[in-house]
Protein backbone atom coordinates (compact mmCIF):
# COMPACT_ATOMS: atom_id res chain seq x y z
CA UNK A 1 3.43 -35.58 -10.18
CA UNK A 2 6.59 -33.32 -9.39
CA UNK A 3 5.84 -30.02 -8.17
CA UNK A 4 6.68 -27.13 -10.91
CA UNK A 5 7.85 -23.43 -9.13
CA UNK A 6 5.89 -20.50 -10.11
CA UNK A 7 7.81 -19.55 -13.15
CA UNK A 8 7.40 -22.77 -14.67
CA UNK A 9 3.55 -22.53 -15.30
CA UNK A 10 2.72 -21.21 -18.32
CA UNK A 11 4.92 -24.19 -20.94
CA UNK A 12 5.82 -26.61 -18.04
CA UNK A 13 9.50 -25.89 -18.97
CA UNK A 14 12.08 -24.43 -16.33
CA UNK A 15 13.07 -20.61 -17.48
CA UNK A 16 16.64 -20.21 -17.80
CA UNK A 17 17.93 -17.66 -15.41
CA UNK A 18 19.54 -14.93 -17.06
CA UNK A 19 23.52 -14.57 -16.61
CA UNK A 20 24.29 -12.96 -12.88
CA UNK A 21 26.33 -9.81 -14.38
CA UNK A 22 23.23 -9.00 -15.90
CA UNK A 23 20.86 -9.33 -12.99
CA UNK A 24 23.88 -6.98 -11.15
CA UNK A 25 23.60 -4.67 -13.47
CA UNK A 26 19.82 -5.11 -13.68
CA UNK A 27 19.64 -3.99 -9.55
CA UNK A 28 22.40 -1.25 -9.82
CA UNK A 29 19.82 0.58 -12.40
CA UNK A 30 16.54 0.02 -9.74
CA UNK A 31 19.28 1.25 -6.68
CA UNK A 32 20.09 4.12 -8.95
CA UNK A 33 16.23 5.41 -9.13
CA UNK A 34 15.51 4.48 -5.55
CA UNK A 35 18.43 6.17 -3.92
CA UNK A 36 18.18 9.17 -5.62
CA UNK A 37 14.64 9.19 -5.34
CA UNK A 38 14.65 9.12 -1.74
CA UNK A 39 17.38 11.57 -1.68
CA UNK A 40 14.95 13.73 -3.07
CA UNK A 41 11.95 12.98 -1.21
CA UNK A 42 10.56 12.47 -4.74
CA UNK A 43 9.90 8.63 -4.89
CA UNK A 44 9.66 7.27 -8.60
CA UNK A 45 8.25 3.68 -7.35
CA UNK A 46 8.75 1.28 -3.83
CA UNK A 47 11.36 -1.74 -4.45
CA UNK A 48 8.94 -4.21 -5.19
CA UNK A 49 7.03 -2.06 -7.85
CA UNK A 50 10.20 -1.25 -9.54
CA UNK A 51 11.52 -5.10 -9.87
CA UNK A 52 8.37 -6.59 -10.78
CA UNK A 53 8.23 -4.20 -13.54
CA UNK A 54 7.31 -6.41 -16.71
CA UNK A 55 10.82 -5.57 -18.22
CA UNK A 56 12.21 -6.68 -15.28
CA UNK A 57 13.69 -10.37 -15.60
CA UNK A 58 14.85 -13.35 -12.33
CA UNK A 59 12.33 -10.86 -10.24
CA UNK A 60 13.13 -13.27 -7.44
CA UNK A 61 16.51 -13.03 -7.70
CA UNK A 62 16.40 -9.72 -8.23
CA UNK A 63 14.46 -8.73 -5.17
CA UNK A 64 16.70 -10.36 -2.86
CA UNK A 65 19.95 -8.84 -4.39
CA UNK A 66 18.35 -5.23 -3.95
CA UNK A 67 16.78 -5.76 -0.26
CA UNK A 68 20.53 -7.06 0.47
CA UNK A 69 22.63 -4.29 -0.96
CA UNK A 70 20.33 -1.83 0.75
CA UNK A 71 20.41 -3.61 3.80
CA UNK A 72 23.75 -3.64 4.33
CA UNK A 73 24.27 -0.35 2.30
CA UNK A 74 25.91 1.85 5.34
CA UNK A 75 28.19 -1.32 5.80
CA UNK A 76 29.21 -0.70 1.95
CA UNK A 77 29.46 2.59 2.19
CA UNK A 78 31.68 2.79 5.01
CA UNK A 79 33.97 -0.25 4.13
CA UNK A 80 34.11 1.44 0.25
CA UNK A 81 34.99 4.44 2.28
CA UNK A 82 38.94 3.05 2.73
CA UNK A 83 39.17 2.06 -0.75
CA UNK A 84 39.34 4.67 -4.14
CA UNK A 85 36.72 2.25 -6.05
CA UNK A 86 33.42 5.26 -5.88
CA UNK A 87 36.05 7.74 -6.63
CA UNK A 88 38.13 5.72 -9.04
CA UNK A 89 38.92 7.71 -12.33
CA UNK A 90 36.98 5.09 -14.88
CA UNK A 91 33.57 6.02 -13.24
CA UNK A 92 31.84 2.68 -12.89
CA UNK A 93 28.99 3.74 -11.64
CA UNK A 94 28.48 3.85 -7.92
CA UNK A 95 25.57 1.54 -7.54
CA UNK A 96 26.59 -1.35 -9.27
CA UNK A 97 30.21 -0.81 -6.99
CA UNK A 98 27.68 -1.64 -4.26
CA UNK A 99 26.02 -4.68 -5.57
CA UNK A 100 29.25 -6.62 -6.62
CA UNK A 101 30.66 -4.98 -3.13
CA UNK A 102 27.76 -6.80 -1.15
CA UNK A 103 28.14 -10.00 -3.33
CA UNK A 104 32.19 -9.90 -2.33
CA UNK A 105 31.28 -9.78 1.30
CA UNK A 106 28.26 -11.40 2.01
CA UNK A 107 27.13 -13.06 -1.30
CA UNK A 108 28.06 -15.11 -4.24
CA UNK A 109 30.72 -15.58 -5.94
CA UNK A 110 31.65 -12.66 -8.66
CA UNK A 111 33.53 -13.54 -11.68
CA UNK A 112 36.09 -11.71 -13.74
CA UNK A 113 33.53 -10.86 -16.11
CA UNK A 114 33.34 -7.40 -16.79
CA UNK A 115 35.27 -4.19 -16.23
CA UNK A 116 33.06 -3.54 -12.72
CA UNK A 117 33.79 -7.24 -12.21
CA UNK A 118 37.80 -6.73 -12.25
CA UNK A 119 37.64 -3.82 -10.82
CA UNK A 120 36.30 -4.76 -7.86
CA UNK A 121 37.85 -7.90 -7.70
CA UNK A 122 41.28 -5.93 -7.95
CA UNK A 123 40.56 -4.33 -4.33
CA UNK A 124 38.64 -7.52 -2.94
CA UNK A 125 41.59 -8.26 0.22
CA UNK A 126 41.39 -4.59 1.05
CA UNK A 127 37.36 -4.43 1.17
CA UNK A 128 37.40 -7.24 3.63
CA UNK A 129 39.69 -6.33 5.76
CA UNK A 130 38.09 -2.85 5.54
CA UNK A 131 34.78 -4.95 7.09
CA UNK A 132 37.35 -7.00 9.13
CA UNK A 133 38.81 -3.33 10.99
CA UNK A 134 35.14 -2.67 11.03
CA UNK A 135 33.94 -4.96 13.33
CA UNK A 136 37.46 -4.41 15.76
CA UNK A 137 36.22 -0.65 16.09
CA UNK A 138 32.61 -1.39 16.52
CA UNK A 139 33.46 -4.44 19.05
CA UNK A 140 31.06 -6.51 16.88
CA UNK A 141 31.54 -10.89 15.81
CA UNK A 142 29.37 -10.53 12.83
CA UNK A 143 28.56 -7.69 10.61
CA UNK A 144 24.75 -8.17 10.80
CA UNK A 145 25.25 -6.88 14.47
CA UNK A 146 26.73 -3.47 12.55
CA UNK A 147 23.27 -2.91 10.71
CA UNK A 148 20.54 0.09 12.09
CA UNK A 149 17.57 -0.91 13.70
CA UNK A 150 15.01 0.23 11.16
CA UNK A 151 16.29 -3.27 9.00
CA UNK A 152 15.86 -5.26 11.55
CA UNK A 153 12.53 -6.07 10.56
CA UNK A 154 13.41 -6.51 6.61
CA UNK A 155 13.67 -10.34 6.87
CA UNK A 156 9.88 -11.05 7.98
CA UNK A 157 8.43 -13.59 5.45
CA UNK A 158 4.92 -12.84 4.66
CA UNK A 159 2.73 -15.30 2.60
CA UNK A 160 1.96 -14.29 -0.90
CA UNK A 161 -2.20 -13.66 -0.24
CA UNK A 162 -3.95 -14.17 -3.71
CA UNK A 163 -7.63 -12.87 -3.81
CA UNK A 164 -9.79 -15.58 -5.93
CA UNK A 165 -12.17 -13.21 -8.16
CA UNK A 166 -15.30 -15.30 -7.84
CA UNK A 167 -16.79 -13.11 -10.98
CA UNK A 168 -14.44 -15.39 -12.84
CA UNK A 169 -13.57 -18.44 -11.53
CA UNK A 170 -14.68 -20.94 -8.19
CA UNK A 171 -12.31 -20.77 -5.47
CA UNK A 172 -11.79 -24.41 -5.25
CA UNK A 173 -10.83 -24.26 -9.36
CA UNK A 174 -7.97 -21.21 -8.74
CA UNK A 175 -7.20 -24.02 -5.42
CA UNK A 176 -6.98 -26.97 -7.90
CA UNK A 177 -5.37 -24.62 -10.33
CA UNK A 178 -1.99 -22.66 -8.21
CA UNK A 179 -1.03 -26.43 -6.19
CA UNK A 180 0.31 -27.89 -9.29
CA UNK A 181 3.15 -26.02 -8.82
CA UNK A 182 3.19 -24.93 -5.53
CA UNK A 183 1.82 -25.13 -1.88
CA UNK A 184 -1.78 -23.86 -1.49
CA UNK A 185 -4.03 -23.12 2.02
CA UNK A 186 -7.39 -21.46 2.13
CA UNK A 187 -7.58 -18.29 4.44
CA UNK A 188 -9.23 -18.80 7.84
CA UNK A 189 -10.99 -15.90 8.06
CA UNK A 190 -11.63 -14.61 4.20
CA UNK A 191 -13.33 -17.32 2.32
CA UNK A 192 -12.15 -16.27 -1.36
CA UNK A 193 -8.62 -15.65 0.07
CA UNK A 194 -5.53 -18.08 -0.87
CA UNK A 195 -2.28 -18.78 0.88
CA UNK A 196 0.69 -19.24 -0.85
CA UNK A 197 4.49 -19.74 0.28
CA UNK A 198 5.91 -16.11 0.88
CA UNK A 199 8.03 -15.23 -2.69
CA UNK A 200 5.83 -17.32 -4.91
CA UNK A 201 5.66 -14.59 -8.08
CA UNK A 202 2.34 -14.58 -10.16
CA UNK A 203 2.69 -11.69 -11.93
CA UNK A 204 2.98 -13.22 -14.99
CA UNK A 205 0.37 -15.93 -14.33
CA UNK A 206 -2.70 -16.15 -16.63
CA UNK A 207 -4.89 -15.80 -14.11
CA UNK A 208 -3.87 -13.17 -12.87
CA UNK A 209 -3.27 -11.44 -16.14
CA UNK A 210 -7.03 -12.43 -17.09
CA UNK A 211 -8.20 -10.87 -13.78
CA UNK A 212 -9.41 -14.05 -11.88
CA UNK A 213 -6.69 -13.95 -9.67
CA UNK A 214 -5.54 -10.84 -7.56
CA UNK A 215 -2.27 -10.28 -5.96
CA UNK A 216 -4.05 -9.02 -2.47
CA UNK A 217 -3.06 -8.80 0.69
CA UNK A 218 -5.39 -9.86 3.35
CA UNK A 219 -5.20 -6.98 5.72
CA UNK A 220 -6.56 -4.94 2.57
CA UNK A 221 -9.32 -7.98 1.91
CA UNK A 222 -10.67 -7.35 5.10
CA UNK A 223 -12.64 -3.78 4.31
CA UNK A 224 -14.91 -4.60 2.30
CA UNK A 225 -15.02 -8.24 3.59
CA UNK A 226 -16.41 -6.15 7.03
CA UNK A 227 -19.00 -4.01 5.36
CA UNK A 228 -20.69 -7.83 4.15
CA UNK A 229 -23.51 -5.77 1.93
CA UNK A 230 -26.33 -7.46 0.70
CA UNK A 231 -25.87 -8.32 -2.50
CA UNK A 232 -28.86 -6.44 -3.90
CA UNK A 233 -27.88 -3.18 -1.91
CA UNK A 234 -26.72 -0.30 -3.57
CA UNK A 235 -22.82 0.68 -1.98
CA UNK A 236 -21.10 3.48 -2.28
CA UNK A 237 -17.13 3.21 -2.60
CA UNK A 238 -16.04 6.45 -1.59
CA UNK A 239 -12.20 6.85 -2.49
CA UNK A 240 -12.37 3.86 -4.98
CA UNK A 241 -8.90 3.86 -7.27
CA UNK A 242 -7.01 2.07 -7.57
CA UNK A 243 -9.94 -0.13 -7.46
CA UNK A 244 -9.18 -3.35 -5.71
CA UNK A 245 -11.85 -3.13 -3.01
CA UNK A 246 -14.26 -1.71 -5.34
CA UNK A 247 -14.29 -5.24 -7.62
CA UNK A 248 -14.01 -7.37 -4.54
CA UNK A 249 -17.26 -5.82 -2.98
CA UNK A 250 -18.22 -6.97 -6.51
CA UNK A 251 -17.74 -10.16 -6.11
CA UNK A 252 -18.70 -10.75 -2.90
CA UNK A 253 -22.46 -8.94 -4.06
CA UNK A 254 -22.28 -11.78 -7.27
CA UNK A 255 -22.18 -9.28 -9.60
CA UNK A 256 -25.81 -7.71 -8.60
CA UNK A 257 -27.21 -5.19 -6.40
CA UNK A 258 -25.06 -1.58 -8.12
CA UNK A 259 -21.23 0.31 -6.88
CA UNK A 260 -20.81 3.46 -7.32
CA UNK A 261 -16.93 4.32 -7.19
CA UNK A 262 -15.99 7.71 -6.82
CA UNK A 263 -12.39 9.07 -7.84
CA UNK A 264 -11.46 12.66 -8.58
CA UNK A 265 -8.23 12.08 -9.75
CA UNK A 266 -8.15 11.96 -13.63
CA UNK A 267 -5.10 9.52 -13.81
CA UNK A 268 -6.23 7.17 -10.87
CA UNK A 269 -9.97 7.13 -12.17
CA UNK A 270 -7.81 5.33 -15.82
CA UNK A 271 -6.67 2.63 -13.26
CA UNK A 272 -9.58 2.40 -11.41
CA UNK A 273 -11.69 1.50 -14.75
CA UNK A 274 -9.24 -0.54 -15.83
CA UNK A 275 -9.64 -2.61 -12.75
CA UNK A 276 -13.41 -2.97 -12.84
CA UNK A 277 -12.66 -3.95 -16.47
CA UNK A 278 -10.02 -6.58 -15.88
CA UNK A 279 -12.00 -7.81 -13.35
CA UNK A 280 -15.37 -8.21 -15.37
CA UNK A 281 -17.38 -6.51 -12.86
CA UNK A 282 -20.68 -5.43 -14.56
CA UNK A 283 -22.34 -3.54 -11.60
CA UNK A 284 -19.80 -1.14 -11.17
CA UNK A 285 -20.81 2.37 -12.14
CA UNK A 286 -17.49 4.77 -11.64
CA UNK A 287 -18.01 8.37 -11.19
CA UNK A 288 -15.09 11.29 -11.96
CA UNK A 289 -16.15 12.99 -8.80
CA UNK A 290 -14.94 14.38 -5.53
CA UNK A 291 -16.27 12.14 -2.77
CA UNK A 292 -16.50 15.31 -0.19
CA UNK A 293 -18.13 17.76 -2.77
CA UNK A 294 -21.08 14.84 -3.57
CA UNK A 295 -24.98 15.57 -2.27
CA UNK A 296 -25.55 13.17 0.49
CA UNK A 297 -29.62 14.39 -0.48
CA UNK A 298 -29.24 13.76 -3.81
CA UNK A 299 -31.09 11.14 -6.29
CA UNK A 300 -28.55 9.16 -7.40
CA UNK A 301 -27.22 8.34 -3.91
CA UNK A 302 -30.82 7.88 -2.73
CA UNK A 303 -30.87 4.39 -2.37
CA UNK A 304 -27.05 3.83 -0.84
CA UNK A 305 -27.30 1.48 2.25
CA UNK A 306 -23.41 1.15 2.50
CA UNK A 307 -20.06 3.07 2.05
CA UNK A 308 -16.66 1.94 1.46
CA UNK A 309 -14.41 4.80 2.61
CA UNK A 310 -10.84 3.87 2.52
CA UNK A 311 -9.43 7.66 1.94
CA UNK A 312 -5.78 8.77 1.61
CA UNK A 313 -3.33 8.36 4.13
CA UNK A 314 0.11 7.87 4.83
CA UNK A 315 0.39 4.50 4.48
CA UNK A 316 2.55 3.90 7.18
CA UNK A 317 1.01 0.53 7.51
CA UNK A 318 2.49 -0.85 4.52
CA UNK A 319 6.29 0.48 5.24
CA UNK A 320 7.55 -3.18 5.70
CA UNK A 321 5.42 -4.68 2.50
CA UNK A 322 7.14 -1.91 0.12
CA UNK A 323 10.42 -2.42 2.53
CA UNK A 324 10.72 1.21 2.62
CA UNK A 325 12.46 0.85 5.33
CA UNK A 326 15.44 -0.37 3.91
CA UNK A 327 16.06 3.17 2.39
CA UNK A 328 18.25 5.61 3.69
CA UNK A 329 15.83 7.98 4.96
CA UNK A 330 14.53 5.91 7.38
CA UNK A 331 17.76 5.79 9.28
CA UNK A 332 17.77 7.50 12.82
CA UNK A 333 18.18 10.79 12.60
CA UNK A 334 17.14 11.50 9.01
CA UNK A 335 13.72 11.21 8.98
CA UNK A 336 12.27 14.77 8.38
CA UNK A 337 9.65 14.29 11.43
CA UNK A 338 7.74 17.90 11.49
CA UNK A 339 7.24 17.70 8.00
CA UNK A 340 6.00 14.26 8.14
CA UNK A 341 4.17 15.10 11.14
CA UNK A 342 1.93 18.49 8.97
CA UNK A 343 1.53 15.98 6.44
CA UNK A 344 -0.06 13.34 8.79
CA UNK A 345 -2.64 16.44 10.49
CA UNK A 346 -3.33 17.49 7.27
CA UNK A 347 -4.62 13.69 6.05
CA UNK A 348 -6.53 13.47 9.32
CA UNK A 349 -8.14 16.88 9.01
CA UNK A 350 -9.31 15.52 5.53
CA UNK A 351 -9.85 11.65 6.67
CA UNK A 352 -12.67 13.45 9.47
CA UNK A 353 -14.29 15.38 7.33
CA UNK A 354 -14.96 12.25 5.04
CA UNK A 355 -15.90 10.41 7.87
CA UNK A 356 -18.46 13.13 8.47
CA UNK A 357 -19.43 13.40 5.31
CA UNK A 358 -19.87 9.48 4.70
CA UNK A 359 -21.96 9.89 8.23
CA UNK A 360 -24.74 12.28 6.52
CA UNK A 361 -25.99 10.25 3.97
CA UNK A 362 -29.55 9.81 4.87
CA UNK A 363 -29.93 5.88 3.93
CA UNK A 364 -27.21 4.26 4.77
CA UNK A 365 -27.47 1.75 7.13
CA UNK A 366 -22.94 0.31 7.41
CA UNK A 367 -19.99 2.48 7.12
CA UNK A 368 -16.06 1.10 7.10
CA UNK A 369 -13.82 3.23 8.07
CA UNK A 370 -10.47 2.09 7.12
CA UNK A 371 -6.80 2.82 6.35
CA UNK A 372 -3.06 1.00 5.84
CA UNK A 373 -2.06 3.50 8.69
CA UNK A 374 -0.71 2.63 11.86
CA UNK A 375 -0.88 6.20 13.30
CA UNK A 376 -2.93 7.16 16.04
CA UNK A 377 -3.97 10.68 14.21
CA UNK A 378 -5.72 8.67 12.15
CA UNK A 379 -6.60 6.09 13.17
CA UNK A 380 -8.85 6.47 17.12
CA UNK A 381 -8.26 10.07 16.87
CA UNK A 382 -10.32 10.25 13.25
CA UNK A 383 -13.10 7.80 15.41
CA UNK A 384 -12.59 9.71 18.68
CA UNK A 385 -13.13 13.14 16.54
CA UNK A 386 -16.53 12.02 14.68
CA UNK A 387 -18.27 9.76 17.20
CA UNK A 388 -20.55 12.13 18.44
CA UNK A 389 -21.71 13.47 15.02
CA UNK A 390 -21.71 9.18 14.40
CA UNK A 391 -24.19 9.42 17.50
CA UNK A 392 -25.93 12.19 16.50
CA UNK A 393 -27.16 10.58 13.37
CA UNK A 394 -27.90 7.26 15.24
CA UNK A 395 -24.23 5.35 14.32
CA UNK A 396 -22.62 3.45 16.80
CA UNK A 397 -19.71 1.65 16.62
CA UNK A 398 -19.77 -2.15 16.00
CA UNK A 399 -16.96 -5.10 16.00
CA UNK A 400 -15.29 -5.73 12.79
CA UNK A 401 -13.98 -9.56 13.23
CA UNK A 402 -14.69 -10.51 16.44
CA UNK A 403 -12.49 -13.50 16.39
CA UNK A 404 -9.30 -11.29 15.20
CA UNK A 405 -7.18 -10.55 18.40
CA UNK A 406 -5.88 -7.16 18.19
CA UNK A 407 -8.25 -4.21 18.78
CA UNK A 408 -7.87 -0.35 18.60
CA UNK A 409 -5.56 1.66 20.96
CA UNK A 410 -7.18 2.17 24.28
CA UNK A 411 -7.90 6.13 23.81
CA UNK A 412 -11.66 6.07 22.77
CA UNK A 413 -14.31 4.66 23.81
CA UNK A 414 -15.34 1.36 21.77
CA UNK A 415 -11.70 0.93 21.25
CA UNK A 416 -12.84 -2.91 21.49
CA UNK A 417 -14.71 -2.76 18.58
CA UNK A 418 -12.18 -1.24 16.10
CA UNK A 419 -9.40 -3.96 14.73
CA UNK A 420 -5.99 -3.68 13.90
CA UNK A 421 -3.20 -5.34 11.69
CA UNK A 422 0.31 -5.14 12.31
CA UNK A 423 2.94 -5.93 9.74
CA UNK A 424 5.42 -7.87 11.55
CA UNK A 425 2.91 -9.98 13.79
CA UNK A 426 0.27 -10.38 11.58
CA UNK A 427 2.60 -11.31 8.20
CA UNK A 428 0.46 -9.07 6.70
CA UNK A 429 -0.05 -5.02 5.99
CA UNK A 430 -0.69 -2.79 8.60
CA UNK A 431 -4.60 -1.46 8.79
CA UNK A 432 -6.87 -0.23 10.90
CA UNK A 433 -10.65 -0.77 10.59
CA UNK A 434 -13.30 0.81 12.06
CA UNK A 435 -17.32 -0.56 11.28
CA UNK A 436 -19.68 2.02 11.62
CA UNK A 437 -23.71 0.65 12.03
CA UNK A 438 -26.83 2.51 12.37
CA UNK A 439 -29.50 1.79 15.02
CA UNK A 440 -32.69 -0.71 13.47
CA UNK A 441 -34.93 1.80 15.36
CA UNK A 442 -33.38 4.63 13.06
CA UNK A 443 -35.66 4.38 9.83
CA UNK A 444 -33.49 2.58 6.94
CA UNK A 445 -34.43 4.70 4.57
CA UNK A 446 -34.22 8.75 5.19
CA UNK A 447 -34.06 9.63 1.57
CA UNK A 448 -37.13 11.94 1.10
CA UNK A 449 -36.89 13.33 4.83
CA UNK A 450 -38.59 16.48 4.58
CA UNK A 451 -37.29 18.76 7.38
CA UNK A 452 -39.72 21.17 7.60
CA UNK A 453 -41.75 18.74 9.28
CA UNK A 454 -39.46 18.55 12.55
CA UNK A 455 -39.30 20.54 14.65
CA UNK A 456 -37.42 23.77 14.80
CA UNK A 457 -35.41 23.29 17.52
CA UNK A 458 -33.84 19.71 15.54
CA UNK A 459 -34.19 22.04 12.39
CA UNK A 460 -32.21 24.45 13.62
CA UNK A 461 -29.53 21.45 14.77
CA UNK A 462 -29.30 19.71 11.73
CA UNK A 463 -28.55 23.18 9.91
CA UNK A 464 -25.75 24.15 12.44
CA UNK A 465 -24.34 20.41 11.89
CA UNK A 466 -24.59 20.98 8.09
CA UNK A 467 -22.35 24.30 8.46
CA UNK A 468 -20.28 22.55 11.04
CA UNK A 469 -19.64 19.85 8.19
CA UNK A 470 -19.06 22.02 5.15
CA UNK A 471 -16.50 24.27 7.45
CA UNK A 472 -14.69 21.12 8.12
CA UNK A 473 -14.78 20.35 4.46
CA UNK A 474 -13.53 23.31 3.11
CA UNK A 475 -10.72 23.13 5.86
CA UNK A 476 -10.01 19.25 4.52
CA UNK A 477 -9.87 19.96 0.84
CA UNK A 478 -7.20 22.90 1.45
CA UNK A 479 -5.39 20.06 3.58
CA UNK A 480 -5.50 18.13 -0.14
CA UNK A 481 -4.41 20.92 -1.99
CA UNK A 482 -1.58 22.31 0.72
CA UNK A 483 -0.29 18.60 -0.11
CA UNK A 484 -1.07 18.54 -3.86
CA UNK A 485 0.86 22.15 -4.22
CA UNK A 486 3.67 20.46 -2.68
CA UNK A 487 3.89 17.71 -5.27
CA UNK A 488 3.45 19.98 -8.00
CA UNK A 489 6.04 22.21 -6.70
CA UNK A 490 8.85 18.75 -6.62
CA UNK A 491 7.64 17.95 -10.09
CA UNK A 492 8.26 21.38 -11.67
CA UNK A 493 11.77 21.80 -10.04
CA UNK A 494 11.99 18.27 -11.66
CA UNK A 495 11.02 20.39 -15.07
CA UNK A 496 13.26 23.44 -14.25
CA UNK A 497 16.43 20.98 -13.46
CA UNK A 498 16.00 19.05 -16.93
CA UNK A 499 15.64 21.83 -18.62
CA UNK A 500 18.97 23.18 -17.20
CA UNK A 501 20.42 19.64 -17.94
CA UNK A 502 19.44 19.93 -21.86
CA UNK A 503 20.66 23.58 -22.46
CA UNK A 504 24.01 22.16 -20.80
CA UNK A 505 24.31 19.20 -23.18
CA UNK A 506 23.46 21.94 -26.53
């Protein structure tokens, strides 16, 4: 039987592609949102999230044209500088000119269908001559040699990973369904993860829409799998939204036991609840709560034996997946390094406080600390900072996925236990994972510990630790408030600009 493409799985017939001139205008709208947000450091979405909106048609072609135009954007601007296309009195949208110029120089044929196409085609020879002069000026043989180093890694072809939600469908059953229209392989490390060719679009597939499949990268699946809780355990997901890892835990636990999922942000809480409902995970209890404010000795946490801590981070490991490296702000010399360092430092302080807090839960035996960051400050430095605290609570680093070849940076004791993934090298997002395991000699359940029965010195030590932890939590929360207030200022600025525009219109 002939295999069908991913776009054919619904009704068996190949969907007719929309006209190319409509796709170009769709790409121009996406570029306008991306470039405006990037210029103001106030992104309204990533390249992928904007392209994969339900309203966008021909997603694969749209993504390819969006990436191509962004990749050559600086070259296009230099070429267009020798023409009047951007400043033309007919006021053709600049982003559409970029798209059309890209296709004239590097892409598909442009037909004189609309005014914009006719205008750009009237300057076709001038554009090509300007590109030739630019190549001579830069002393290079081809246009790809003009590209900045930031976009050189943008062509890496990451497979499409699909996590099978075993609460709803078997892995082999999912394999059979997907293999009807594309090549499918089993992942060699995670048993419920399937690997499809790069670019496979499953956003509208019925199994995805009904929660039987989750479009989740391999690196994102690794923290929950490394935690590997026993089905009857109680588990705490400390920073749960949007919930992909939370419902993955539920599937690992076969729907048994109990999972407490904390999320303090109200909007993200809604997303978390939707994810839990979609997955059909009945053993998850969603808590609208700040993890740092939770009492480790409270009755509802007394039986928690494993914690998944995947806190807010810089997201620097997902740059290639999000394709942020194609945006102008990633060009050399344009990164606001001081502000970024300040942001990462605030995040790291929060991460340290959150990890110490997780280590203080008395009945916990296993903790996973993970980030989608490649910054040492958020990863090895955080582990090094809390390691003495972990040892004091009888925790040691353990090796997550011993078969994985890439370990932590040699800047902390036990770096060989830590795990790193790299986007370009491993064809998945950049992640960091640290596994903490409490030694067996430590009592498995300390929920009812009576500090009054301990020695005076130990009691004093515990009180000192608690004071230090409270100070670090206060500092971490202040850092997060700074980050939140910065976003709030941006939002208020946007509202003021909108009001001014409305007054001008009136």
